[in-house]
Amino acid sequence: MVAAIGTFLYLLTPPEHPIPHVKTDGISVPVTEGSYCWEGPLSANCVDKVYANPIEMGKQHEPTDVMPNQTIKITFDTMPTKNSLKIERWIEGGSSEKVKLNHSKLHAPSQKGTYFYLITANWEQGDGKYSFSIKVE
């Protein structure tokens, strides 16, 4: 009976979706969660978080100070589906460029400034958008 109740409550619990872990030089970089959809065993959940752009989203936390070309590692507890993980680097003024990950790593730009990163990823159960910011000193 207790097992049946536990299983029932598990199935009704809103599903958890992956959040990326972003680290540089042993320091965790704060990540802002954007809109996502995630499907669990008996329920699904879509959450729309409205930001004007990835820069606004990235400004939800203070930028993490990094050195030029410093390595930044992005990982998930549950890996996204193949070829679905995309990263864009944005700067004030709204220009952006795609960034390639190499073994879950990217490098900070060599020029000083504040940079905002947009991460998008898909899984069989759903998708998500996330942002973080760095300040190259």
N, C-alpha and C. Protein backbone atom coordinates (compact mmCIF):
# COMPACT_ATOMS: atom_id res chain seq x y z
N MET A 1 0.82 -1.20 0.00
CA MET A 1 0.00 0.00 0.00
C MET A 1 0.87 1.27 0.00
N VAL A 2 1.88 1.29 0.88
CA VAL A 2 2.77 2.45 0.93
C VAL A 2 3.52 2.61 -0.38
N ALA A 3 3.97 1.50 -0.96
CA ALA A 3 4.67 1.55 -2.24
C ALA A 3 3.76 2.08 -3.34
N ALA A 4 2.50 1.69 -3.32
CA ALA A 4 1.55 2.16 -4.33
C ALA A 4 1.32 3.65 -4.20
N ILE A 5 1.22 4.14 -2.98
CA ILE A 5 1.03 5.58 -2.76
C ILE A 5 2.27 6.34 -3.21
N GLY A 6 3.45 5.80 -2.87
CA GLY A 6 4.70 6.43 -3.29
C GLY A 6 4.83 6.49 -4.79
N THR A 7 4.48 5.42 -5.47
CA THR A 7 4.53 5.39 -6.93
C THR A 7 3.55 6.38 -7.51
N PHE A 8 2.35 6.45 -6.96
CA PHE A 8 1.33 7.39 -7.42
C PHE A 8 1.82 8.83 -7.28
N LEU A 9 2.40 9.17 -6.11
CA LEU A 9 2.90 10.53 -5.90
C LEU A 9 4.07 10.84 -6.83
N TYR A 10 4.94 9.85 -7.07
CA TYR A 10 6.06 10.04 -7.99
C TYR A 10 5.56 10.37 -9.39
N LEU A 11 4.55 9.64 -9.83
CA LEU A 11 4.03 9.84 -11.18
C LEU A 11 3.33 11.19 -11.33
N LEU A 12 2.79 11.72 -10.24
CA LEU A 12 2.10 13.01 -10.30
C LEU A 12 3.02 14.21 -10.07
N THR A 13 4.24 13.95 -9.58
CA THR A 13 5.17 15.03 -9.31
C THR A 13 5.60 15.67 -10.63
N PRO A 14 5.61 17.00 -10.70
CA PRO A 14 6.07 17.65 -11.93
C PRO A 14 7.48 17.18 -12.27
N PRO A 15 7.75 16.92 -13.52
CA PRO A 15 9.05 16.38 -13.92
C PRO A 15 10.17 17.40 -13.75
N GLU A 16 11.35 16.90 -13.38
CA GLU A 16 12.54 17.73 -13.26
C GLU A 16 13.24 17.78 -14.61
N HIS A 17 13.78 18.90 -14.95
CA HIS A 17 14.51 19.03 -16.22
C HIS A 17 15.96 19.37 -15.91
N PRO A 18 16.87 19.08 -16.82
CA PRO A 18 18.30 19.33 -16.58
C PRO A 18 18.63 20.82 -16.54
N ILE A 19 19.55 21.16 -15.68
CA ILE A 19 20.11 22.51 -15.60
C ILE A 19 21.61 22.35 -15.81
N PRO A 20 22.24 23.17 -16.65
CA PRO A 20 23.67 22.99 -16.88
C PRO A 20 24.50 23.41 -15.67
N HIS A 21 25.65 22.77 -15.55
CA HIS A 21 26.66 23.16 -14.57
C HIS A 21 27.74 23.88 -15.37
N VAL A 22 27.99 25.14 -15.01
CA VAL A 22 29.02 25.92 -15.70
C VAL A 22 30.10 26.23 -14.68
N LYS A 23 31.34 25.85 -15.02
CA LYS A 23 32.46 26.07 -14.11
C LYS A 23 33.66 26.61 -14.87
N THR A 24 34.43 27.42 -14.17
CA THR A 24 35.69 27.92 -14.71
C THR A 24 36.68 28.05 -13.57
N ASP A 25 37.83 27.47 -13.73
CA ASP A 25 38.90 27.53 -12.74
C ASP A 25 38.39 27.09 -11.35
N GLY A 26 37.53 26.07 -11.33
CA GLY A 26 37.00 25.54 -10.08
C GLY A 26 35.86 26.34 -9.47
N ILE A 27 35.44 27.39 -10.13
CA ILE A 27 34.37 28.25 -9.62
C ILE A 27 33.09 27.99 -10.40
N SER A 28 31.97 27.85 -9.68
CA SER A 28 30.67 27.70 -10.35
C SER A 28 30.19 29.04 -10.86
N VAL A 29 29.75 29.05 -12.09
CA VAL A 29 29.21 30.27 -12.71
C VAL A 29 27.69 30.19 -12.60
N PRO A 30 27.03 31.23 -12.04
CA PRO A 30 25.58 31.20 -11.91
C PRO A 30 24.89 31.12 -13.28
N VAL A 31 23.87 30.29 -13.37
CA VAL A 31 23.13 30.09 -14.61
C VAL A 31 21.68 30.55 -14.40
N THR A 32 21.17 31.30 -15.36
CA THR A 32 19.77 31.72 -15.35
C THR A 32 18.98 30.75 -16.22
N GLU A 33 17.93 30.23 -15.65
CA GLU A 33 17.07 29.30 -16.38
C GLU A 33 16.06 30.09 -17.19
N GLY A 34 15.92 29.73 -18.44
CA GLY A 34 14.93 30.36 -19.29
C GLY A 34 13.73 29.45 -19.49
N SER A 35 13.04 29.62 -20.58
CA SER A 35 11.87 28.82 -20.89
C SER A 35 12.27 27.36 -21.13
N TYR A 36 11.36 26.46 -20.76
CA TYR A 36 11.62 25.04 -20.98
C TYR A 36 10.31 24.27 -21.04
N CYS A 37 10.38 23.09 -21.62
CA CYS A 37 9.29 22.11 -21.59
C CYS A 37 9.92 20.78 -21.19
N TRP A 38 9.23 20.04 -20.35
CA TRP A 38 9.75 18.76 -19.90
C TRP A 38 8.61 17.80 -19.64
N GLU A 39 8.77 16.58 -20.09
CA GLU A 39 7.73 15.57 -19.98
C GLU A 39 8.19 14.45 -19.05
N GLY A 40 7.34 14.13 -18.07
CA GLY A 40 7.63 13.05 -17.13
C GLY A 40 6.76 11.85 -17.44
N PRO A 41 6.75 10.84 -16.53
CA PRO A 41 5.98 9.62 -16.77
C PRO A 41 4.48 9.85 -17.02
N LEU A 42 3.86 10.73 -16.24
CA LEU A 42 2.43 10.97 -16.41
C LEU A 42 2.06 12.44 -16.54
N SER A 43 3.06 13.30 -16.53
CA SER A 43 2.75 14.72 -16.62
C SER A 43 3.81 15.43 -17.43
N ALA A 44 3.44 16.59 -17.92
CA ALA A 44 4.37 17.43 -18.66
C ALA A 44 4.25 18.85 -18.14
N ASN A 45 5.30 19.62 -18.32
CA ASN A 45 5.32 20.97 -17.79
C ASN A 45 6.07 21.87 -18.77
N CYS A 46 5.44 22.96 -19.19
CA CYS A 46 6.11 23.99 -19.98
C CYS A 46 6.07 25.29 -19.19
N VAL A 47 7.21 25.94 -19.12
CA VAL A 47 7.32 27.20 -18.39
C VAL A 47 7.90 28.23 -19.34
N ASP A 48 7.19 29.34 -19.52
CA ASP A 48 7.68 30.43 -20.37
C ASP A 48 8.23 31.54 -19.48
N LYS A 49 9.49 31.82 -19.64
CA LYS A 49 10.13 32.93 -18.93
C LYS A 49 10.49 33.94 -19.99
N VAL A 50 9.90 35.10 -19.89
CA VAL A 50 10.03 36.09 -20.95
C VAL A 50 11.19 37.04 -20.65
N TYR A 51 12.17 37.02 -21.53
CA TYR A 51 13.29 37.95 -21.49
C TYR A 51 13.36 38.59 -22.87
N ALA A 52 13.74 39.88 -22.92
CA ALA A 52 13.82 40.58 -24.21
C ALA A 52 14.86 39.93 -25.11
N ASN A 53 15.95 39.44 -24.51
CA ASN A 53 17.02 38.81 -25.28
C ASN A 53 17.95 38.09 -24.31
N PRO A 54 18.93 37.34 -24.81
CA PRO A 54 19.86 36.63 -23.92
C PRO A 54 20.68 37.54 -23.02
N ILE A 55 20.89 38.78 -23.42
CA ILE A 55 21.63 39.72 -22.57
C ILE A 55 20.83 40.01 -21.31
N GLU A 56 19.56 40.32 -21.47
CA GLU A 56 18.69 40.57 -20.30
C GLU A 56 18.65 39.33 -19.41
N MET A 57 18.55 38.18 -20.03
CA MET A 57 18.52 36.92 -19.28
C MET A 57 19.82 36.74 -18.49
N GLY A 58 20.95 37.00 -19.14
CA GLY A 58 22.25 36.85 -18.49
C GLY A 58 22.51 37.85 -17.39
N LYS A 59 21.81 38.98 -17.41
CA LYS A 59 22.00 40.02 -16.39
C LYS A 59 21.27 39.69 -15.08
N GLN A 60 20.64 38.53 -15.00
CA GLN A 60 19.96 38.14 -13.76
C GLN A 60 20.98 37.82 -12.65
N HIS A 61 22.24 37.60 -13.03
CA HIS A 61 23.33 37.36 -12.09
C HIS A 61 24.49 38.27 -12.47
N GLU A 62 25.31 38.61 -11.48
CA GLU A 62 26.52 39.37 -11.77
C GLU A 62 27.44 38.52 -12.63
N PRO A 63 28.13 39.12 -13.59
CA PRO A 63 29.07 38.34 -14.42
C PRO A 63 30.21 37.77 -13.57
N THR A 64 30.65 36.60 -13.92
CA THR A 64 31.79 35.97 -13.25
C THR A 64 33.07 36.48 -13.89
N ASP A 65 34.00 36.96 -13.07
CA ASP A 65 35.27 37.47 -13.58
C ASP A 65 36.14 36.31 -14.08
N VAL A 66 36.68 36.45 -15.28
CA VAL A 66 37.58 35.45 -15.86
C VAL A 66 38.76 36.16 -16.52
N MET A 67 39.78 35.39 -16.78
CA MET A 67 40.95 35.90 -17.50
C MET A 67 40.72 35.67 -19.00
N PRO A 68 41.42 36.43 -19.85
CA PRO A 68 41.31 36.18 -21.29
C PRO A 68 41.63 34.72 -21.62
N ASN A 69 40.85 34.14 -22.50
CA ASN A 69 41.03 32.76 -22.99
C ASN A 69 40.86 31.68 -21.91
N GLN A 70 40.34 32.04 -20.76
CA GLN A 70 40.15 31.06 -19.68
C GLN A 70 39.14 30.00 -20.12
N THR A 71 39.38 28.75 -19.73
CA THR A 71 38.50 27.64 -20.09
C THR A 71 37.24 27.66 -19.24
N ILE A 72 36.11 27.45 -19.89
CA ILE A 72 34.80 27.36 -19.24
C ILE A 72 34.21 26.01 -19.62
N LYS A 73 33.78 25.25 -18.62
CA LYS A 73 33.23 23.92 -18.88
C LYS A 73 31.73 23.92 -18.61
N ILE A 74 30.97 23.36 -19.55
CA ILE A 74 29.51 23.27 -19.45
C ILE A 74 29.13 21.79 -19.49
N THR A 75 28.48 21.32 -18.43
CA THR A 75 28.05 19.93 -18.38
C THR A 75 26.60 19.84 -17.90
N PHE A 76 25.99 18.72 -18.20
CA PHE A 76 24.64 18.41 -17.74
C PHE A 76 24.68 17.05 -17.05
N ASP A 77 23.83 16.84 -16.05
CA ASP A 77 23.71 15.52 -15.44
C ASP A 77 23.15 14.53 -16.45
N THR A 78 22.26 15.00 -17.31
CA THR A 78 21.69 14.19 -18.38
C THR A 78 22.09 14.86 -19.70
N MET A 79 22.85 14.16 -20.50
CA MET A 79 23.35 14.74 -21.75
C MET A 79 22.22 15.03 -22.73
N PRO A 80 22.25 16.18 -23.40
CA PRO A 80 21.28 16.49 -24.45
C PRO A 80 21.41 15.51 -25.62
N THR A 81 20.38 15.47 -26.45
CA THR A 81 20.43 14.61 -27.62
C THR A 81 21.56 15.09 -28.55
N LYS A 82 22.05 14.18 -29.35
CA LYS A 82 23.17 14.46 -30.23
C LYS A 82 22.88 15.66 -31.14
N ASN A 83 23.84 16.56 -31.23
CA ASN A 83 23.79 17.76 -32.07
C ASN A 83 22.72 18.77 -31.68
N SER A 84 22.13 18.65 -30.49
CA SER A 84 21.09 19.62 -30.12
C SER A 84 21.63 20.75 -29.25
N LEU A 85 22.78 20.56 -28.63
CA LEU A 85 23.35 21.58 -27.75
C LEU A 85 23.94 22.70 -28.58
N LYS A 86 23.44 23.92 -28.37
CA LYS A 86 23.91 25.08 -29.12
C LYS A 86 24.27 26.19 -28.13
N ILE A 87 25.34 26.91 -28.46
CA ILE A 87 25.79 28.01 -27.61
C ILE A 87 26.02 29.23 -28.48
N GLU A 88 25.51 30.36 -27.99
CA GLU A 88 25.74 31.64 -28.66
C GLU A 88 26.37 32.60 -27.66
N ARG A 89 27.30 33.43 -28.12
CA ARG A 89 27.90 34.47 -27.29
C ARG A 89 27.33 35.81 -27.75
N TRP A 90 26.81 36.58 -26.81
CA TRP A 90 26.21 37.89 -27.08
C TRP A 90 27.02 38.97 -26.37
N ILE A 91 27.03 40.16 -26.98
CA ILE A 91 27.64 41.33 -26.35
C ILE A 91 26.62 42.45 -26.33
N GLU A 92 26.86 43.43 -25.44
CA GLU A 92 25.97 44.59 -25.38
C GLU A 92 25.83 45.17 -26.78
N GLY A 93 24.67 45.62 -27.12
CA GLY A 93 24.41 46.11 -28.46
C GLY A 93 23.69 45.07 -29.30
N GLY A 94 23.69 43.82 -28.82
CA GLY A 94 22.87 42.80 -29.45
C GLY A 94 23.52 41.92 -30.48
N SER A 95 24.81 42.08 -30.76
CA SER A 95 25.40 41.18 -31.75
C SER A 95 25.73 39.84 -31.09
N SER A 96 25.69 38.78 -31.91
CA SER A 96 25.94 37.45 -31.37
C SER A 96 26.72 36.62 -32.38
N GLU A 97 27.30 35.54 -31.87
CA GLU A 97 27.99 34.58 -32.72
C GLU A 97 27.87 33.20 -32.10
N LYS A 98 27.87 32.18 -32.93
CA LYS A 98 27.83 30.81 -32.45
C LYS A 98 29.19 30.45 -31.86
N VAL A 99 29.15 29.62 -30.82
CA VAL A 99 30.37 29.16 -30.17
C VAL A 99 30.36 27.64 -30.21
N LYS A 100 31.49 27.05 -30.56
CA LYS A 100 31.59 25.59 -30.58
C LYS A 100 32.18 25.10 -29.27
N LEU A 101 31.59 24.03 -28.76
CA LEU A 101 32.14 23.36 -27.59
C LEU A 101 33.11 22.29 -28.06
N ASN A 102 34.19 22.12 -27.32
CA ASN A 102 35.14 21.06 -27.60
C ASN A 102 35.28 20.25 -26.31
N HIS A 103 34.68 19.06 -26.29
CA HIS A 103 34.67 18.21 -25.09
C HIS A 103 34.07 18.97 -23.91
N SER A 104 32.92 19.59 -24.13
CA SER A 104 32.15 20.34 -23.12
C SER A 104 32.85 21.62 -22.66
N LYS A 105 33.86 22.07 -23.41
CA LYS A 105 34.60 23.26 -23.01
C LYS A 105 34.59 24.32 -24.09
N LEU A 106 34.65 25.58 -23.65
CA LEU A 106 34.85 26.71 -24.54
C LEU A 106 35.85 27.63 -23.87
N HIS A 107 36.31 28.61 -24.60
CA HIS A 107 37.28 29.56 -24.04
C HIS A 107 36.69 30.96 -24.04
N ALA A 108 36.97 31.68 -22.96
CA ALA A 108 36.55 33.07 -22.88
C ALA A 108 37.26 33.86 -23.99
N PRO A 109 36.64 34.94 -24.44
CA PRO A 109 37.30 35.77 -25.45
C PRO A 109 38.63 36.33 -24.92
N SER A 110 39.47 36.76 -25.83
CA SER A 110 40.76 37.33 -25.44
C SER A 110 40.64 38.82 -25.11
N GLN A 111 39.57 39.46 -25.60
CA GLN A 111 39.40 40.89 -25.37
C GLN A 111 38.57 41.15 -24.11
N LYS A 112 38.92 42.22 -23.39
CA LYS A 112 38.19 42.59 -22.18
C LYS A 112 36.75 42.94 -22.55
N GLY A 113 35.85 42.70 -21.59
CA GLY A 113 34.46 43.04 -21.80
C GLY A 113 33.55 42.06 -21.09
N THR A 114 32.25 42.35 -21.16
CA THR A 114 31.24 41.49 -20.57
C THR A 114 30.55 40.73 -21.70
N TYR A 115 30.43 39.43 -21.52
CA TYR A 115 29.87 38.55 -22.54
C TYR A 115 28.74 37.72 -21.92
N PHE A 116 27.72 37.49 -22.72
CA PHE A 116 26.54 36.74 -22.29
C PHE A 116 26.41 35.52 -23.19
N TYR A 117 26.15 34.38 -22.58
CA TYR A 117 26.05 33.12 -23.32
C TYR A 117 24.65 32.56 -23.21
N LEU A 118 24.11 32.14 -24.34
CA LEU A 118 22.81 31.48 -24.40
C LEU A 118 23.04 30.02 -24.75
N ILE A 119 22.52 29.14 -23.91
CA ILE A 119 22.62 27.69 -24.13
C ILE A 119 21.22 27.20 -24.47
N THR A 120 21.08 26.46 -25.56
CA THR A 120 19.83 25.78 -25.88
C THR A 120 20.15 24.31 -26.06
N ALA A 121 19.24 23.45 -25.58
CA ALA A 121 19.47 22.01 -25.67
C ALA A 121 18.14 21.28 -25.72
N ASN A 122 18.18 20.09 -26.32
CA ASN A 122 17.00 19.23 -26.42
C ASN A 122 17.32 17.86 -25.85
N TRP A 123 16.29 17.24 -25.30
CA TRP A 123 16.34 15.87 -24.82
C TRP A 123 15.10 15.16 -25.35
N GLU A 124 15.03 13.87 -25.23
CA GLU A 124 13.82 13.15 -25.65
C GLU A 124 12.61 13.64 -24.87
N GLN A 125 12.82 14.08 -23.62
CA GLN A 125 11.71 14.52 -22.76
C GLN A 125 11.36 16.00 -22.91
N GLY A 126 12.17 16.77 -23.63
CA GLY A 126 11.86 18.20 -23.76
C GLY A 126 13.05 19.02 -24.17
N ASP A 127 13.00 20.32 -23.80
CA ASP A 127 14.06 21.25 -24.19
C ASP A 127 14.22 22.33 -23.13
N GLY A 128 15.27 23.13 -23.26
CA GLY A 128 15.50 24.21 -22.32
C GLY A 128 16.44 25.26 -22.87
N LYS A 129 16.34 26.46 -22.27
CA LYS A 129 17.24 27.58 -22.58
C LYS A 129 17.82 28.07 -21.27
N TYR A 130 19.10 28.45 -21.32
CA TYR A 130 19.81 28.88 -20.13
C TYR A 130 20.80 29.98 -20.53
N SER A 131 21.20 30.80 -19.56
CA SER A 131 22.13 31.87 -19.85
C SER A 131 23.10 32.06 -18.68
N PHE A 132 24.29 32.52 -19.01
CA PHE A 132 25.25 32.94 -17.98
C PHE A 132 26.09 34.07 -18.55
N SER A 133 26.79 34.78 -17.68
CA SER A 133 27.60 35.90 -18.14
C SER A 133 28.99 35.85 -17.50
N ILE A 134 29.96 36.38 -18.25
CA ILE A 134 31.32 36.49 -17.75
C ILE A 134 31.84 37.89 -18.05
N LYS A 135 32.85 38.28 -17.27
CA LYS A 135 33.52 39.56 -17.50
C LYS A 135 35.00 39.25 -17.64
N VAL A 136 35.53 39.49 -18.83
CA VAL A 136 36.94 39.26 -19.09
C VAL A 136 37.71 40.48 -18.59
N GLU A 137 38.61 40.23 -17.67
CA GLU A 137 39.41 41.31 -17.06
C GLU A 137 40.72 41.51 -17.79
